[in-house]
Amino acid sequence: MPELPEVESVVRDLHRAGLVGREIQELTVRWPRTLDRPSVEEARVRLRGARIADVRRRGKFIILDLSTGESLLVHLRMTGQIDLQLASREPDPHHHLLLALDHGEELRFRDTRKFGRFYLVAHPDEIVGDLGPEPIDPAFTLEQFRTMMRGRRGTIKPLLLNQSFVAGLGNIYVDEALFRAHIHPERRADTLTEQELVVLFGAMRDVLVEGIENRGTTLGEASTNYLSVAGRRGNNKQNLRVFRRTGHPCPDCGTPIERIIVGQRSSHVCPLCQPK
């Protein structure tokens, strides 16, 4: 699933592609569940003639702010991809939602697994209002993180994956941050020392910033992997130290990386650097 760096990369690529300022002329929904709300008929009426005033990110959501004051939110989920293409080009069977734009182009949403969703709402908080703080926002401070961690007795990895606790982190970057902080994903949150909290806070930011600088993480060659606008691949795979590196030597100590299950999620750890 695309995480914060991948979604941020898509947002930046949409800016580069000139999406801001474009007029929406028509909506086509080819898989009904792709549009969560409102109905297709109502969305068509509300979208026609609206201009895209801005494109931004909140957590793992892409937000298209419209000239009408409304917002169109997109969650890519597992396999969602967004692209700008000529309307004259035939859509493929996995293009489930199309926004016809001026100048003969379409914003197309491709989603093999059909889990991605669009939401047309009066205000983004209808969808993202319960999300936690943005981990790379300068306003998110170490002191705030310390306060959030007080009294938390749950396992650290599921806590960091909880979008209402902190927004945008997913399996890849949590595994990488915990490795850099030398914290086992099954540690209880209330057992972390002050120094471990400091290191973890920095590690979370470091792995996310690196992911953005490398324009996201594309893990494989299949078309269902993360791709940004115009099919651009992310280059961050080369920076992954433990994620999906089961059996490879730890880059710090040489111990083989292990794969375990934590909170029903696949997790990757160095048993020596991240003692349980």
Protein backbone atom coordinates (compact mmCIF):
# COMPACT_ATOMS: atom_id res chain seq x y z
CA MET A 1 0.00 0.00 0.00
CA PRO A 2 1.38 3.45 -0.85
CA GLU A 3 2.44 5.23 2.33
CA LEU A 4 3.27 8.84 3.14
CA PRO A 5 6.35 9.15 0.85
CA GLU A 6 4.56 7.54 -2.10
CA VAL A 7 1.43 9.69 -1.72
CA GLU A 8 3.53 12.82 -1.26
CA SER A 9 5.43 11.92 -4.43
CA VAL A 10 2.18 11.54 -6.40
CA VAL A 11 1.01 14.95 -5.13
CA ARG A 12 4.27 16.60 -6.19
CA ASP A 13 4.17 14.88 -9.57
CA LEU A 14 0.59 16.08 -10.14
CA HIS A 15 1.78 19.62 -9.45
CA ARG A 16 4.62 19.14 -11.94
CA ALA A 17 2.15 17.82 -14.50
CA GLY A 18 0.15 21.05 -14.24
CA LEU A 19 -3.04 19.67 -12.67
CA VAL A 20 -3.67 22.79 -10.57
CA GLY A 21 -5.94 25.19 -12.42
CA ARG A 22 -7.44 22.58 -14.73
CA GLU A 23 -11.20 22.44 -15.23
CA ILE A 24 -13.17 19.25 -14.64
CA GLN A 25 -15.61 18.70 -17.50
CA GLU A 26 -17.01 15.23 -16.88
CA LEU A 27 -16.87 12.27 -14.49
CA THR A 28 -16.95 8.63 -15.57
CA VAL A 29 -17.10 5.85 -12.98
CA ARG A 30 -16.56 2.36 -14.39
CA TRP A 31 -16.53 0.51 -11.05
CA PRO A 32 -19.29 1.91 -8.79
CA ARG A 33 -17.55 1.32 -5.45
CA THR A 34 -14.58 3.45 -6.50
CA LEU A 35 -16.68 6.53 -5.68
CA ASP A 36 -17.59 6.19 -2.02
CA ARG A 37 -19.70 9.36 -1.84
CA PRO A 38 -21.92 10.89 -3.12
CA SER A 39 -23.79 9.08 -5.90
CA VAL A 40 -22.27 9.17 -9.36
CA GLU A 41 -25.13 11.33 -10.63
CA GLU A 42 -24.75 13.89 -7.85
CA ALA A 43 -20.96 13.93 -8.16
CA ARG A 44 -21.22 14.65 -11.88
CA VAL A 45 -23.37 17.72 -11.23
CA ARG A 46 -21.09 19.01 -8.46
CA LEU A 47 -17.84 18.41 -10.37
CA ARG A 48 -18.74 19.79 -13.81
CA GLY A 49 -17.07 23.15 -14.32
CA ALA A 50 -15.08 23.03 -11.08
CA ARG A 51 -11.41 23.93 -11.27
CA ILE A 52 -8.70 22.19 -9.27
CA ALA A 53 -7.45 24.92 -6.95
CA ASP A 54 -4.79 22.86 -5.17
CA VAL A 55 -3.44 19.34 -4.73
CA ARG A 56 -2.15 18.33 -1.30
CA ARG A 57 -1.72 15.39 1.03
CA ARG A 58 -3.07 14.48 4.46
CA GLY A 59 -1.79 11.19 5.81
CA LYS A 60 -2.23 8.70 2.97
CA PHE A 61 -4.97 10.75 1.29
CA ILE A 62 -4.60 12.91 -1.81
CA ILE A 63 -6.80 16.01 -1.56
CA LEU A 64 -7.96 17.94 -4.62
CA ASP A 65 -9.30 21.29 -3.39
CA LEU A 66 -11.87 22.62 -5.85
CA SER A 67 -12.89 26.14 -6.85
CA THR A 68 -16.39 25.36 -5.58
CA GLY A 69 -15.09 25.10 -2.01
CA GLU A 70 -15.53 21.33 -1.98
CA SER A 71 -12.74 18.74 -1.99
CA LEU A 72 -12.23 15.47 -3.82
CA LEU A 73 -10.21 13.02 -1.73
CA VAL A 74 -8.43 9.93 -3.04
CA HIS A 75 -7.12 6.96 -1.08
CA LEU A 76 -4.95 4.72 -3.26
CA ARG A 77 -5.20 1.71 -0.91
CA MET A 78 -3.31 -1.36 -2.19
CA THR A 79 -2.85 -0.84 -5.94
CA GLY A 80 -4.29 2.57 -6.84
CA GLN A 81 -2.43 4.66 -9.42
CA ILE A 82 -3.18 8.12 -10.80
CA ASP A 83 -2.14 9.44 -14.18
CA LEU A 84 -2.85 12.22 -16.66
CA GLN A 85 -3.48 10.89 -20.16
CA LEU A 86 -4.95 12.05 -23.45
CA ALA A 87 -8.69 11.42 -23.53
CA SER A 88 -8.28 9.97 -27.01
CA ARG A 89 -6.22 7.11 -25.60
CA GLU A 90 -8.33 4.02 -24.86
CA PRO A 91 -8.57 3.30 -21.09
CA ASP A 92 -7.47 -0.14 -19.97
CA PRO A 93 -9.80 -2.50 -18.05
CA HIS A 94 -8.36 -1.42 -14.70
CA HIS A 95 -9.14 2.29 -15.16
CA HIS A 96 -12.15 2.59 -12.84
CA LEU A 97 -12.63 6.37 -12.57
CA LEU A 98 -11.91 9.09 -15.11
CA LEU A 99 -12.12 12.87 -14.79
CA ALA A 100 -12.30 14.59 -18.18
CA LEU A 101 -10.29 17.82 -18.06
CA ASP A 102 -9.88 20.76 -20.39
CA HIS A 103 -7.26 20.55 -23.18
CA GLY A 104 -8.33 17.02 -24.10
CA GLU A 105 -6.82 15.22 -21.12
CA GLU A 106 -8.18 12.93 -18.42
CA LEU A 107 -7.16 12.26 -14.84
CA ARG A 108 -7.37 8.47 -14.69
CA PHE A 109 -7.46 6.18 -11.67
CA ARG A 110 -6.12 2.67 -12.23
CA ASP A 111 -6.67 0.07 -9.52
CA THR A 112 -6.19 -3.65 -10.13
CA ARG A 113 -7.47 -4.73 -6.71
CA LYS A 114 -10.40 -2.24 -6.70
CA PHE A 115 -9.81 -1.15 -3.08
CA GLY A 116 -9.09 2.53 -3.84
CA ARG A 117 -11.75 5.12 -3.03
CA PHE A 118 -12.80 8.68 -4.00
CA TYR A 119 -14.79 10.98 -1.72
CA LEU A 120 -16.41 14.26 -2.82
CA VAL A 121 -17.12 16.23 0.36
CA ALA A 122 -17.88 19.75 1.54
CA HIS A 123 -14.83 19.68 3.83
CA PRO A 124 -11.86 17.25 3.98
CA ASP A 125 -12.30 16.76 7.73
CA GLU A 126 -15.35 14.62 6.96
CA ILE A 127 -12.80 11.99 5.92
CA VAL A 128 -9.46 12.96 7.48
CA GLY A 129 -10.60 14.73 10.64
CA ASP A 130 -9.63 11.84 12.92
CA LEU A 131 -6.09 11.41 11.61
CA GLY A 132 -3.14 11.91 13.93
CA PRO A 133 -0.37 14.47 13.43
CA GLU A 134 1.84 14.53 10.35
CA PRO A 135 5.18 12.96 11.37
CA ILE A 136 7.30 15.21 9.12
CA ASP A 137 5.45 18.43 9.94
CA PRO A 138 7.80 20.87 11.75
CA ALA A 139 4.92 21.50 14.15
CA PHE A 140 5.11 17.86 15.29
CA THR A 141 7.71 18.05 18.04
CA LEU A 142 9.58 15.56 20.18
CA GLU A 143 7.74 16.90 23.22
CA GLN A 144 4.39 16.23 21.53
CA PHE A 145 5.53 12.71 20.67
CA ARG A 146 6.58 12.13 24.30
CA THR A 147 3.17 13.30 25.47
CA MET A 148 1.37 11.04 23.00
CA MET A 149 3.40 8.04 24.18
CA ARG A 150 2.62 8.51 27.88
CA GLY A 151 0.39 5.76 29.22
CA ARG A 152 0.45 3.75 25.99
CA ARG A 153 0.69 0.09 26.96
CA GLY A 154 0.15 -1.48 23.55
CA THR A 155 2.72 -3.00 21.20
CA ILE A 156 4.82 -0.34 19.49
CA LYS A 157 4.42 -1.42 15.85
CA PRO A 158 0.58 -1.53 15.76
CA LEU A 159 0.58 1.79 17.59
CA LEU A 160 2.72 3.46 14.92
CA LEU A 161 0.51 1.94 12.21
CA ASN A 162 -2.60 3.43 13.84
CA GLN A 163 -3.53 6.38 11.61
CA SER A 164 -5.34 8.15 14.44
CA PHE A 165 -2.09 8.11 16.44
CA VAL A 166 0.22 9.36 13.69
CA ALA A 167 -0.76 9.79 10.03
CA GLY A 168 0.93 8.29 6.99
CA LEU A 169 3.13 5.55 8.39
CA GLY A 170 2.71 2.05 6.99
CA ASN A 171 4.42 -1.32 7.11
CA ILE A 172 7.53 -0.36 5.13
CA TYR A 173 8.51 2.76 7.02
CA VAL A 174 7.56 1.49 10.47
CA ASP A 175 9.82 -1.55 10.01
CA GLU A 176 12.63 0.70 8.79
CA ALA A 177 12.23 3.24 11.60
CA LEU A 178 12.14 0.57 14.31
CA PHE A 179 15.28 -1.02 12.89
CA ARG A 180 17.16 2.27 12.89
CA ALA A 181 16.05 2.86 16.47
CA HIS A 182 17.06 -0.72 17.45
CA ILE A 183 13.56 -1.33 18.85
CA HIS A 184 11.81 -4.68 18.44
CA PRO A 185 8.31 -4.28 16.89
CA GLU A 186 6.80 -6.37 19.72
CA ARG A 187 8.09 -4.08 22.48
CA ARG A 188 5.39 -2.55 24.65
CA ALA A 189 5.22 1.19 24.12
CA ASP A 190 5.50 1.95 27.84
CA THR A 191 8.83 0.10 28.10
CA LEU A 192 10.66 2.51 25.78
CA THR A 193 13.29 4.60 27.53
CA GLU A 194 13.60 8.35 27.10
CA GLN A 195 16.60 7.84 24.83
CA GLU A 196 14.74 5.27 22.73
CA LEU A 197 11.87 7.73 22.24
CA VAL A 198 14.31 10.38 21.06
CA VAL A 199 15.97 7.99 18.61
CA LEU A 200 12.64 6.61 17.35
CA PHE A 201 11.27 10.10 16.76
CA GLY A 202 14.30 10.95 14.63
CA ALA A 203 14.25 7.60 12.83
CA MET A 204 10.61 8.03 11.79
CA ARG A 205 11.39 11.36 10.23
CA ASP A 206 14.59 10.18 8.60
CA VAL A 207 13.04 7.20 6.80
CA LEU A 208 10.08 9.27 5.59
CA VAL A 209 12.22 12.14 4.33
CA GLU A 210 14.54 9.68 2.56
CA GLY A 211 11.51 8.01 1.00
CA ILE A 212 10.24 11.35 -0.32
CA GLU A 213 13.67 12.34 -1.62
CA ASN A 214 13.76 9.03 -3.54
CA ARG A 215 10.19 9.58 -4.76
CA GLY A 216 8.75 6.58 -2.95
CA THR A 217 9.37 2.84 -2.83
CA THR A 218 8.55 0.57 -5.77
CA LEU A 219 9.20 -2.99 -4.61
CA GLY A 220 8.82 -5.07 -7.77
CA GLU A 221 8.29 -5.11 -11.51
CA ALA A 222 4.57 -5.97 -11.60
CA SER A 223 2.13 -3.27 -12.72
CA THR A 224 0.33 -3.60 -9.37
CA ASN A 225 3.34 -2.12 -7.55
CA TYR A 226 3.49 1.55 -6.63
CA LEU A 227 3.84 3.82 -9.66
CA SER A 228 3.43 7.58 -9.69
CA VAL A 229 2.22 9.85 -12.48
CA ALA A 230 3.31 8.74 -15.97
CA GLY A 231 4.29 5.34 -14.58
CA ARG A 232 7.30 6.72 -12.71
CA ARG A 233 8.86 4.24 -10.28
CA GLY A 234 10.11 5.12 -6.83
CA ASN A 235 13.82 4.60 -6.13
CA ASN A 236 13.77 4.11 -2.36
CA LYS A 237 14.02 0.30 -2.44
CA GLN A 238 17.83 0.62 -2.44
CA ASN A 239 17.63 2.30 0.99
CA LEU A 240 15.58 -0.41 2.70
CA ARG A 241 17.65 -2.14 5.37
CA VAL A 242 15.22 -4.78 6.65
CA PHE A 243 11.87 -4.61 4.87
CA ARG A 244 11.42 -7.70 2.65
CA ARG A 245 15.08 -8.61 3.16
CA THR A 246 14.41 -11.88 4.97
CA GLY A 247 17.60 -13.96 5.14
CA HIS A 248 19.86 -11.14 3.99
CA PRO A 249 22.61 -9.99 6.36
CA CYS A 250 21.79 -7.09 8.64
CA PRO A 251 23.66 -4.03 7.31
CA ASP A 252 24.86 -3.22 10.84
CA CYS A 253 25.89 -6.60 12.29
CA GLY A 254 25.55 -9.26 9.56
CA THR A 255 22.90 -11.33 11.35
CA PRO A 256 20.26 -12.69 8.94
CA ILE A 257 17.09 -10.59 8.86
CA GLU A 258 14.01 -12.43 10.11
CA ARG A 259 10.36 -12.13 9.14
CA ILE A 260 7.81 -12.35 11.95
CA ILE A 261 4.12 -11.53 12.37
CA VAL A 262 3.18 -8.66 14.67
CA GLY A 263 -0.45 -7.66 15.02
CA GLN A 264 -1.31 -9.78 11.95
CA ARG A 265 1.21 -7.80 9.88
CA SER A 266 4.40 -9.08 8.32
CA SER A 267 7.41 -7.51 10.07
CA HIS A 268 11.14 -7.62 9.41
CA VAL A 269 13.73 -7.45 12.17
CA CYS A 270 17.35 -8.05 13.02
CA PRO A 271 17.22 -10.36 16.07
CA LEU A 272 20.56 -9.02 17.33
CA CYS A 273 20.12 -5.29 16.75
CA GLN A 274 16.46 -5.34 17.85
CA PRO A 275 16.42 -7.62 20.90
CA LYS A 276 13.00 -8.67 22.08
